[in-house]
Amino acid sequence: MSGTAIATNPLAPGLTGRLSERAAGLVAERLASGRLSPFACHDASAMRRDPCERDRDTVLRPAFVRDAEKIVHLPAYNRLAGKTQVFSFRANDDLARRGLHVQLVARVARDIGRALGLNLDLIEAIALGHDLGHTPFGHAGERFLSDVYHERTGRWFFHNVQSVRVMDELAGRNVSLQVLDGALCHNGEFELQRFETSGLAEFDTFERVVDSCWEHGDETISHLRPMTLEGCVVRVSDIIAYVGKDRQDAIAAGLADEGTFDDGLGGGYNAWALASFVADVVENSVGEQTIAMSEEGFAEMRRAKRENYEKIYGAGEVNGDFSAQIAELFSALYDHELEALAAGDESAAIFAHHVAPLERRLAFYGRSYDWESDPDRTVVDFISSMTDDYFMATCAAAFPHAAGLFPSRGYLPEGVRA
């Protein structure tokens, strides 16, 4: 057996965080050879809308390295540091924000990809870009924005679909199809024990899938499969990265303690999950053309995620962060921004902070932002791009009563002095 012993999870005793001799031998052989797996996606396979000289694959900057660098220099990536992962309105700088989450996903996915001989640059690019379209206030904000968007247009908002729009249209950075597809298909709300690639091979089909996501929502998104094994790895790594980290944050936020969870591991579940789930994926995927987990591994992942929903995400205090009045602010702000667009007042924030900067950046790449033909989509672009603080400041400026609706918790609670 290979690996260091970890804590035992009594609900999944077969998951030890170690590889069998067979799997360890295959991984060692792959690493010693220095070659990619025959199932890896090579840089030469990268597909772009514009095969321009500027984005040509080079020895110093291979195709997917370019994509990762494009992503981390986007304003949308920078804003992830100001967006909620799970816990909002809490004065605790140690709680994960979405900017940390995408790095954790990249780290987990690289560990798996390295062992399997996959393209680590493609993995990193997908992981860093997969949440670029996320709203302020995490999945609660995503739900609020989708509700109002659907009510007004019949379309649905999902952050994974918006992530594609950010990279492909709003940034105009000529990101590869493999990265766009990986971001679209990453949605960790739809877990599977085994992932097979989709066979997608061109932009026309991808565009039809994206359009279907906007029109049909879950009906389409729940059936998405990545076109590369690298995309499959990021998808399972998304869950691995948050299922234990969210427990640590819940304990740090005072919403849980070390005895809250059924496995008895408390905050230590994160270290257990990182070691055990990574080893399980590698054990069941090395040398194969699929990314898979064992029955025990998959069952435990689903159990832990379900317990998180019951004890963290659905907890009264977390839900209490988002009162009905705050949900209504999403609707009110949506209407406010639509009116600002219709008025054409270029001093309005949607012009000064959204339309004008996008037009300047896109012009550099010979592209334009068609904000006039679909005002609802422009408003969704703007609201989804906001950080938590920007959303609150905008609402407070637009609606005098709004400032008092956002919960406020100071850094110095009772018993702690400056």
Protein backbone atom coordinates (compact mmCIF):
# COMPACT_ATOMS: atom_id res chain seq x y z
CA MET A 1 0.00 0.00 0.00
CA SER A 2 1.08 3.58 -0.63
CA GLY A 3 0.46 6.74 1.38
CA THR A 4 0.40 8.04 4.92
CA ALA A 5 -2.23 6.86 7.40
CA ILE A 6 -5.05 9.29 8.10
CA ALA A 7 -7.91 9.44 10.57
CA THR A 8 -10.55 6.78 10.16
CA ASN A 9 -14.06 7.72 9.14
CA PRO A 10 -16.36 5.18 10.84
CA LEU A 11 -18.97 5.75 8.15
CA ALA A 12 -16.51 4.89 5.36
CA PRO A 13 -13.85 2.62 6.89
CA GLY A 14 -12.69 1.35 3.52
CA LEU A 15 -11.48 4.78 2.45
CA THR A 16 -7.96 4.95 3.83
CA GLY A 17 -6.39 7.66 1.70
CA ARG A 18 -3.94 5.10 0.35
CA LEU A 19 -3.55 3.48 -3.05
CA SER A 20 -3.41 -0.24 -3.67
CA GLU A 21 -0.09 -1.64 -4.85
CA ARG A 22 -1.54 -1.97 -8.35
CA ALA A 23 -2.65 1.66 -8.55
CA ALA A 24 0.51 2.97 -6.87
CA GLY A 25 2.60 1.06 -9.41
CA LEU A 26 0.66 2.49 -12.34
CA VAL A 27 0.99 6.02 -10.99
CA ALA A 28 4.71 5.59 -10.34
CA GLU A 29 5.24 4.21 -13.83
CA ARG A 30 3.36 7.12 -15.39
CA LEU A 31 5.31 9.71 -13.40
CA ALA A 32 8.64 8.06 -14.18
CA SER A 33 7.91 8.07 -17.91
CA GLY A 34 7.14 11.80 -17.93
CA ARG A 35 4.53 11.19 -20.60
CA LEU A 36 0.89 12.15 -20.57
CA SER A 37 -1.79 9.50 -20.48
CA PRO A 38 -3.10 8.47 -23.91
CA PHE A 39 -6.44 9.82 -22.70
CA ALA A 40 -5.10 13.30 -21.82
CA CYS A 41 -5.95 16.39 -23.85
CA HIS A 42 -2.82 17.72 -25.54
CA ASP A 43 -2.12 21.42 -26.05
CA ALA A 44 -2.08 20.89 -29.80
CA SER A 45 -5.77 19.92 -29.57
CA ALA A 46 -6.83 23.31 -28.19
CA MET A 47 -9.66 24.80 -30.27
CA ARG A 48 -10.23 28.55 -30.42
CA ARG A 49 -12.78 30.67 -32.24
CA ASP A 50 -9.97 32.76 -33.70
CA PRO A 51 -6.79 30.81 -34.57
CA CYS A 52 -4.80 34.04 -34.48
CA GLU A 53 -1.04 34.37 -34.29
CA ARG A 54 -1.27 36.05 -30.87
CA ASP A 55 -2.64 32.86 -29.32
CA ARG A 56 -0.35 30.44 -31.10
CA ASP A 57 0.95 27.58 -28.96
CA THR A 58 4.64 28.04 -28.05
CA VAL A 59 7.22 26.23 -25.97
CA LEU A 60 7.16 28.96 -23.32
CA ARG A 61 3.41 29.46 -23.34
CA PRO A 62 1.49 26.33 -24.35
CA ALA A 63 -2.17 26.67 -25.24
CA PHE A 64 -3.72 26.00 -21.86
CA VAL A 65 -1.08 27.99 -19.98
CA ARG A 66 -2.27 30.92 -22.06
CA ASP A 67 -5.86 30.23 -21.00
CA ALA A 68 -4.98 30.13 -17.30
CA GLU A 69 -3.10 33.42 -17.65
CA LYS A 70 -5.98 35.02 -19.55
CA ILE A 71 -8.34 34.05 -16.72
CA VAL A 72 -6.33 35.28 -13.74
CA HIS A 73 -5.93 38.71 -15.37
CA LEU A 74 -9.68 39.22 -15.79
CA PRO A 75 -11.50 41.68 -13.50
CA ALA A 76 -14.06 38.91 -12.94
CA TYR A 77 -11.35 36.72 -11.42
CA ASN A 78 -10.18 39.51 -9.12
CA ARG A 79 -13.74 40.02 -7.90
CA LEU A 80 -14.02 36.43 -6.69
CA ALA A 81 -12.14 37.52 -3.57
CA GLY A 82 -15.14 39.70 -2.68
CA LYS A 83 -17.85 37.10 -3.26
CA THR A 84 -19.37 34.77 -0.69
CA GLN A 85 -18.61 31.07 -0.79
CA VAL A 86 -21.15 30.00 1.87
CA PHE A 87 -21.23 32.48 4.75
CA SER A 88 -22.20 36.11 4.20
CA PHE A 89 -22.30 39.17 6.46
CA ARG A 90 -19.76 37.67 8.88
CA ALA A 91 -16.77 39.61 10.17
CA ASN A 92 -14.32 36.75 9.95
CA ASP A 93 -11.58 37.06 7.35
CA ASP A 94 -10.63 33.39 7.77
CA LEU A 95 -13.85 32.15 6.15
CA ALA A 96 -13.40 31.05 2.55
CA ARG A 97 -14.43 33.38 -0.23
CA ARG A 98 -14.97 32.24 -3.77
CA GLY A 99 -11.50 33.36 -4.79
CA LEU A 100 -9.97 30.84 -2.39
CA HIS A 101 -12.43 28.15 -3.43
CA VAL A 102 -11.33 28.15 -7.08
CA GLN A 103 -7.70 27.81 -5.97
CA LEU A 104 -8.60 24.88 -3.71
CA VAL A 105 -10.40 23.21 -6.61
CA ALA A 106 -7.35 23.75 -8.80
CA ARG A 107 -5.11 22.22 -6.14
CA VAL A 108 -7.26 19.11 -5.66
CA ALA A 109 -7.72 18.65 -9.40
CA ARG A 110 -3.99 19.00 -10.08
CA ASP A 111 -3.24 16.32 -7.49
CA ILE A 112 -5.61 13.91 -9.22
CA GLY A 113 -4.53 14.94 -12.71
CA ARG A 114 -0.84 14.54 -11.93
CA ALA A 115 -1.39 10.97 -10.75
CA LEU A 116 -3.47 10.14 -13.82
CA GLY A 117 -1.10 11.75 -16.33
CA LEU A 118 -3.54 14.41 -17.49
CA ASN A 119 -2.87 17.93 -18.75
CA LEU A 120 -2.33 20.00 -15.60
CA ASP A 121 -2.43 23.33 -17.43
CA LEU A 122 -5.89 22.56 -18.81
CA ILE A 123 -7.03 21.43 -15.37
CA GLU A 124 -5.77 24.64 -13.80
CA ALA A 125 -7.41 26.85 -16.42
CA ILE A 126 -10.80 25.14 -16.01
CA ALA A 127 -10.61 25.25 -12.22
CA LEU A 128 -9.63 28.93 -12.06
CA GLY A 129 -12.34 29.91 -14.54
CA HIS A 130 -15.22 27.72 -13.43
CA ASP A 131 -16.86 30.25 -11.06
CA LEU A 132 -16.18 33.52 -12.91
CA GLY A 133 -19.90 34.00 -13.48
CA HIS A 134 -20.93 33.57 -9.86
CA THR A 135 -23.19 36.11 -8.21
CA PRO A 136 -22.67 37.97 -4.96
CA PHE A 137 -23.85 36.00 -1.90
CA GLY A 138 -23.12 32.54 -3.27
CA HIS A 139 -25.90 30.15 -4.19
CA ALA A 140 -28.51 32.26 -2.43
CA GLY A 141 -27.69 35.18 -4.72
CA GLU A 142 -27.66 32.86 -7.71
CA ARG A 143 -31.16 31.65 -6.82
CA PHE A 144 -32.48 35.19 -6.28
CA LEU A 145 -31.10 36.41 -9.61
CA SER A 146 -32.39 33.36 -11.48
CA ASP A 147 -35.87 33.84 -10.01
CA VAL A 148 -36.18 37.42 -11.18
CA TYR A 149 -34.56 36.71 -14.57
CA HIS A 150 -36.92 33.79 -15.16
CA GLU A 151 -39.94 35.81 -14.12
CA ARG A 152 -39.14 38.52 -16.63
CA THR A 153 -37.74 36.51 -19.55
CA GLY A 154 -38.57 32.81 -19.12
CA ARG A 155 -34.82 32.10 -19.12
CA TRP A 156 -32.75 30.74 -16.24
CA PHE A 157 -29.54 32.01 -14.66
CA PHE A 158 -26.84 29.55 -13.58
CA HIS A 159 -23.34 30.61 -12.62
CA ASN A 160 -21.62 27.92 -14.71
CA VAL A 161 -23.36 29.18 -17.87
CA GLN A 162 -22.51 32.77 -16.97
CA SER A 163 -18.87 31.73 -16.45
CA VAL A 164 -18.79 30.71 -20.10
CA ARG A 165 -20.34 34.02 -21.11
CA VAL A 166 -17.76 35.94 -19.08
CA MET A 167 -14.81 34.21 -20.74
CA ASP A 168 -16.25 33.82 -24.23
CA GLU A 169 -18.17 37.06 -24.79
CA LEU A 170 -17.70 39.62 -22.03
CA ALA A 171 -13.92 39.26 -21.86
CA GLY A 172 -13.34 38.44 -25.52
CA ARG A 173 -10.12 36.63 -24.68
CA ASN A 174 -10.40 33.79 -27.23
CA VAL A 175 -10.37 31.11 -24.54
CA SER A 176 -10.25 27.52 -25.81
CA LEU A 177 -13.33 25.37 -26.24
CA GLN A 178 -11.90 22.81 -23.79
CA VAL A 179 -11.76 25.40 -21.00
CA LEU A 180 -15.19 26.85 -21.80
CA ASP A 181 -16.68 23.36 -21.85
CA GLY A 182 -15.02 22.43 -18.55
CA ALA A 183 -16.48 25.53 -16.88
CA LEU A 184 -19.95 24.86 -18.29
CA CYS A 185 -19.96 21.23 -17.19
CA HIS A 186 -18.43 21.67 -13.73
CA ASN A 187 -21.65 22.05 -11.78
CA GLY A 188 -21.02 20.19 -8.51
CA GLU A 189 -24.73 20.06 -7.64
CA PHE A 190 -25.09 17.08 -9.99
CA GLU A 191 -22.67 14.43 -8.75
CA LEU A 192 -21.97 11.17 -10.59
CA GLN A 193 -20.00 8.08 -9.65
CA ARG A 194 -18.50 7.75 -13.12
CA PHE A 195 -17.81 10.40 -15.75
CA GLU A 196 -17.44 9.62 -19.42
CA THR A 197 -16.51 12.36 -21.86
CA SER A 198 -19.17 13.82 -24.12
CA GLY A 199 -17.49 13.63 -27.50
CA LEU A 200 -17.99 17.36 -28.10
CA ALA A 201 -15.64 18.52 -30.84
CA GLU A 202 -16.74 21.91 -32.19
CA PHE A 203 -18.14 25.31 -31.24
CA ASP A 204 -21.46 25.05 -33.09
CA THR A 205 -22.69 22.18 -30.92
CA PHE A 206 -21.32 23.88 -27.80
CA GLU A 207 -23.27 27.05 -28.60
CA ARG A 208 -26.49 25.06 -28.95
CA VAL A 209 -25.87 23.45 -25.55
CA VAL A 210 -25.24 26.84 -23.94
CA ASP A 211 -28.43 28.24 -25.45
CA SER A 212 -30.35 25.24 -24.09
CA CYS A 213 -28.95 25.90 -20.61
CA TRP A 214 -30.35 29.45 -20.68
CA GLU A 215 -33.71 28.26 -22.00
CA HIS A 216 -34.22 25.04 -20.03
CA GLY A 217 -32.03 25.36 -16.91
CA ASP A 218 -31.70 22.21 -14.81
CA GLU A 219 -33.28 20.12 -17.52
CA THR A 220 -30.17 20.62 -19.65
CA ILE A 221 -27.53 21.30 -17.01
CA SER A 222 -28.19 18.06 -15.11
CA HIS A 223 -27.18 16.08 -18.22
CA LEU A 224 -23.96 17.93 -19.06
CA ARG A 225 -20.75 15.91 -19.43
CA PRO A 226 -17.28 17.41 -20.02
CA MET A 227 -15.53 16.84 -23.33
CA THR A 228 -12.17 16.07 -21.63
CA LEU A 229 -11.05 13.94 -18.73
CA GLU A 230 -9.48 17.10 -17.34
CA GLY A 231 -12.95 18.65 -17.18
CA CYS A 232 -14.26 15.51 -15.47
CA VAL A 233 -11.52 15.79 -12.85
CA VAL A 234 -12.39 19.42 -12.11
CA ARG A 235 -16.04 18.52 -11.71
CA VAL A 236 -15.43 15.90 -9.02
CA SER A 237 -12.71 18.07 -7.45
CA ASP A 238 -15.20 20.91 -6.98
CA ILE A 239 -17.13 18.78 -4.48
CA ILE A 240 -14.00 17.40 -2.83
CA ALA A 241 -12.71 20.94 -2.31
CA TYR A 242 -15.81 22.28 -0.57
CA VAL A 243 -17.43 19.37 1.26
CA GLY A 244 -14.91 19.43 4.12
CA LYS A 245 -13.83 23.08 3.92
CA ASP A 246 -17.42 24.23 4.40
CA ARG A 247 -17.52 22.22 7.63
CA GLN A 248 -14.38 23.93 8.90
CA ASP A 249 -15.92 27.30 8.07
CA ALA A 250 -19.21 26.40 9.76
CA ILE A 251 -17.30 25.61 12.95
CA ALA A 252 -15.27 28.82 12.67
CA ALA A 253 -18.50 30.77 12.15
CA GLY A 254 -20.01 29.25 15.29
CA LEU A 255 -22.78 27.39 13.43
CA ALA A 256 -21.40 23.95 14.27
CA ASP A 257 -18.91 22.33 16.61
CA GLU A 258 -16.60 19.35 16.52
CA GLY A 259 -19.46 17.01 17.43
CA THR A 260 -22.05 18.27 14.97
CA PHE A 261 -21.41 15.83 12.13
CA ASP A 262 -22.31 12.14 12.08
CA ASP A 263 -18.81 10.92 11.15
CA GLY A 264 -17.38 12.43 14.36
CA LEU A 265 -14.42 14.01 12.58
CA GLY A 266 -15.54 17.63 12.99
CA GLY A 267 -13.24 20.06 11.19
CA GLY A 268 -10.81 17.19 10.62
CA TYR A 269 -13.19 15.89 7.97
CA ASN A 270 -11.57 18.28 5.48
CA ALA A 271 -8.14 16.62 5.73
CA TRP A 272 -9.79 13.20 5.67
CA ALA A 273 -11.84 14.09 2.58
CA LEU A 274 -8.92 15.55 0.66
CA ALA A 275 -6.78 12.45 1.19
CA SER A 276 -9.51 9.82 0.93
CA PHE A 277 -11.51 11.11 -2.01
CA VAL A 278 -8.42 11.97 -4.05
CA ALA A 279 -7.00 8.49 -3.49
CA ASP A 280 -10.35 6.91 -4.30
CA VAL A 281 -10.66 8.78 -7.60
CA VAL A 282 -7.09 7.89 -8.59
CA GLU A 283 -7.55 4.25 -7.57
CA ASN A 284 -10.62 3.89 -9.76
CA SER A 285 -9.46 6.01 -12.71
CA VAL A 286 -5.76 5.32 -13.30
CA GLY A 287 -5.22 3.82 -16.73
CA GLU A 288 -8.89 4.21 -17.60
CA GLN A 289 -10.75 6.41 -20.08
CA THR A 290 -13.20 7.52 -17.40
CA ILE A 291 -13.04 9.33 -14.06
CA ALA A 292 -14.70 7.25 -11.37
CA MET A 293 -15.11 6.64 -7.65
CA SER A 294 -15.74 3.41 -5.78
CA GLU A 295 -19.24 2.70 -4.53
CA GLU A 296 -18.12 3.44 -0.98
CA GLY A 297 -16.37 6.65 -1.96
CA PHE A 298 -19.31 7.94 -3.96
CA ALA A 299 -21.80 7.01 -1.25
CA GLU A 300 -19.76 8.82 1.40
CA MET A 301 -19.38 11.93 -0.75
CA ARG A 302 -23.13 12.06 -1.31
CA ARG A 303 -23.81 11.43 2.39
CA ALA A 304 -21.44 14.19 3.51
CA LYS A 305 -22.85 16.64 0.99
CA ARG A 306 -26.40 15.82 2.09
CA GLU A 307 -25.41 16.32 5.73
CA ASN A 308 -23.89 19.69 4.83
CA TYR A 309 -27.21 20.73 3.32
CA GLU A 310 -29.07 19.67 6.43
CA LYS A 311 -26.71 21.14 9.00
CA ILE A 312 -24.95 24.04 7.23
CA TYR A 313 -26.54 25.30 4.04
CA GLY A 314 -30.08 24.80 5.29
CA ALA A 315 -29.36 25.91 8.86
CA GLY A 316 -31.63 28.58 10.26
CA GLU A 317 -28.91 31.13 10.90
CA VAL A 318 -27.41 30.86 7.42
CA ASN A 319 -30.85 31.17 5.86
CA GLY A 320 -31.48 34.06 8.22
CA ASP A 321 -28.72 35.99 6.46
CA PHE A 322 -31.05 36.19 3.49
CA SER A 323 -34.40 37.59 4.51
CA ALA A 324 -37.29 37.95 2.13
CA GLN A 325 -36.44 41.66 1.97
CA ILE A 326 -32.95 40.91 0.66
CA ALA A 327 -34.40 38.59 -1.99
CA GLU A 328 -36.69 41.46 -2.95
CA LEU A 329 -33.65 43.73 -3.31
CA PHE A 330 -32.42 41.57 -6.18
CA SER A 331 -35.74 42.17 -7.91
CA ALA A 332 -35.75 45.89 -7.11
CA LEU A 333 -32.16 46.33 -8.26
CA TYR A 334 -32.92 44.42 -11.46
CA ASP A 335 -35.76 46.84 -12.28
CA HIS A 336 -33.62 49.82 -11.26
CA GLU A 337 -30.85 48.83 -13.67
CA LEU A 338 -33.32 48.17 -16.49
CA GLU A 339 -34.68 51.69 -16.01
CA ALA A 340 -31.16 53.14 -16.02
CA LEU A 341 -30.44 51.40 -19.34
CA ALA A 342 -33.68 52.66 -20.84
CA ALA A 343 -32.95 56.22 -19.68
CA GLY A 344 -29.51 56.14 -21.29
CA ASP A 345 -27.96 58.13 -18.45
CA GLU A 346 -24.26 57.44 -18.83
CA SER A 347 -23.59 58.62 -15.28
CA ALA A 348 -25.55 55.60 -13.97
CA ALA A 349 -23.40 52.84 -12.49
CA ILE A 350 -24.49 50.27 -15.05
CA PHE A 351 -22.90 52.49 -17.72
CA ALA A 352 -19.96 53.87 -15.76
CA HIS A 353 -18.93 50.65 -14.04
CA HIS A 354 -20.14 47.99 -16.47
CA VAL A 355 -20.95 48.93 -20.07
CA ALA A 356 -18.19 51.49 -20.64
CA PRO A 357 -15.33 49.42 -19.11
CA LEU A 358 -16.44 46.33 -21.04
CA GLU A 359 -16.57 48.25 -24.29
CA ARG A 360 -13.04 49.62 -23.70
CA ARG A 361 -11.59 46.20 -22.93
CA LEU A 362 -13.36 44.46 -25.81
CA ALA A 363 -12.31 47.15 -28.29
CA PHE A 364 -8.68 46.22 -27.63
CA TYR A 365 -9.46 42.76 -29.06
CA GLY A 366 -11.57 44.05 -31.92
CA ARG A 367 -14.80 43.02 -30.21
CA SER A 368 -17.87 44.90 -28.99
CA TYR A 369 -20.47 44.54 -26.23
CA ASP A 370 -24.00 44.30 -27.60
CA TRP A 371 -25.71 45.61 -24.48
CA GLU A 372 -28.65 47.26 -26.27
CA SER A 373 -30.26 44.27 -28.01
CA ASP A 374 -31.05 42.37 -24.79
CA PRO A 375 -31.32 44.73 -21.79
CA ASP A 376 -32.32 41.90 -19.43
CA ARG A 377 -29.13 40.02 -20.19
CA THR A 378 -27.10 43.19 -19.73
CA VAL A 379 -28.63 43.67 -16.29
CA VAL A 380 -27.86 40.05 -15.42
CA ASP A 381 -24.27 40.56 -16.60
CA PHE A 382 -23.97 43.56 -14.29
CA ILE A 383 -25.60 42.13 -11.16
CA SER A 384 -23.80 38.79 -11.40
CA SER A 385 -20.47 40.62 -11.70
CA MET A 386 -20.94 42.46 -8.40
CA THR A 387 -19.05 41.64 -5.24
CA ASP A 388 -21.05 41.38 -2.02
CA ASP A 389 -19.92 44.85 -0.91
CA TYR A 390 -20.69 46.45 -4.26
CA PHE A 391 -24.20 44.97 -4.26
CA MET A 392 -24.86 46.31 -0.77
CA ALA A 393 -23.45 49.76 -1.59
CA THR A 394 -25.48 49.98 -4.79
CA CYS A 395 -28.69 48.99 -3.03
CA ALA A 396 -28.03 51.44 -0.20
CA ALA A 397 -27.54 54.24 -2.73
CA ALA A 398 -30.58 53.34 -4.82
CA PHE A 399 -32.98 52.45 -2.01
CA PRO A 400 -32.69 54.49 1.22
CA HIS A 401 -34.20 51.73 3.35
CA ALA A 402 -31.80 49.02 2.10
CA ALA A 403 -28.83 49.69 4.38
CA GLY A 404 -30.75 48.49 7.41
CA LEU A 405 -31.73 45.20 5.78
CA PHE A 406 -28.24 43.71 5.61
CA PRO A 407 -27.16 41.84 8.76
CA SER A 408 -24.08 43.34 10.39
CA ARG A 409 -21.66 41.54 12.67
CA GLY A 410 -18.66 43.36 14.07
CA TYR A 411 -15.13 42.07 14.39
CA LEU A 412 -15.20 42.65 18.15
CA PRO A 413 -18.02 40.62 19.69
CA GLU A 414 -18.96 40.87 23.34
CA GLY A 415 -16.00 40.01 25.54
CA VAL A 416 -13.36 41.03 22.97
CA ARG A 417 -11.87 44.51 23.13
CA ALA A 418 -9.63 46.48 20.82
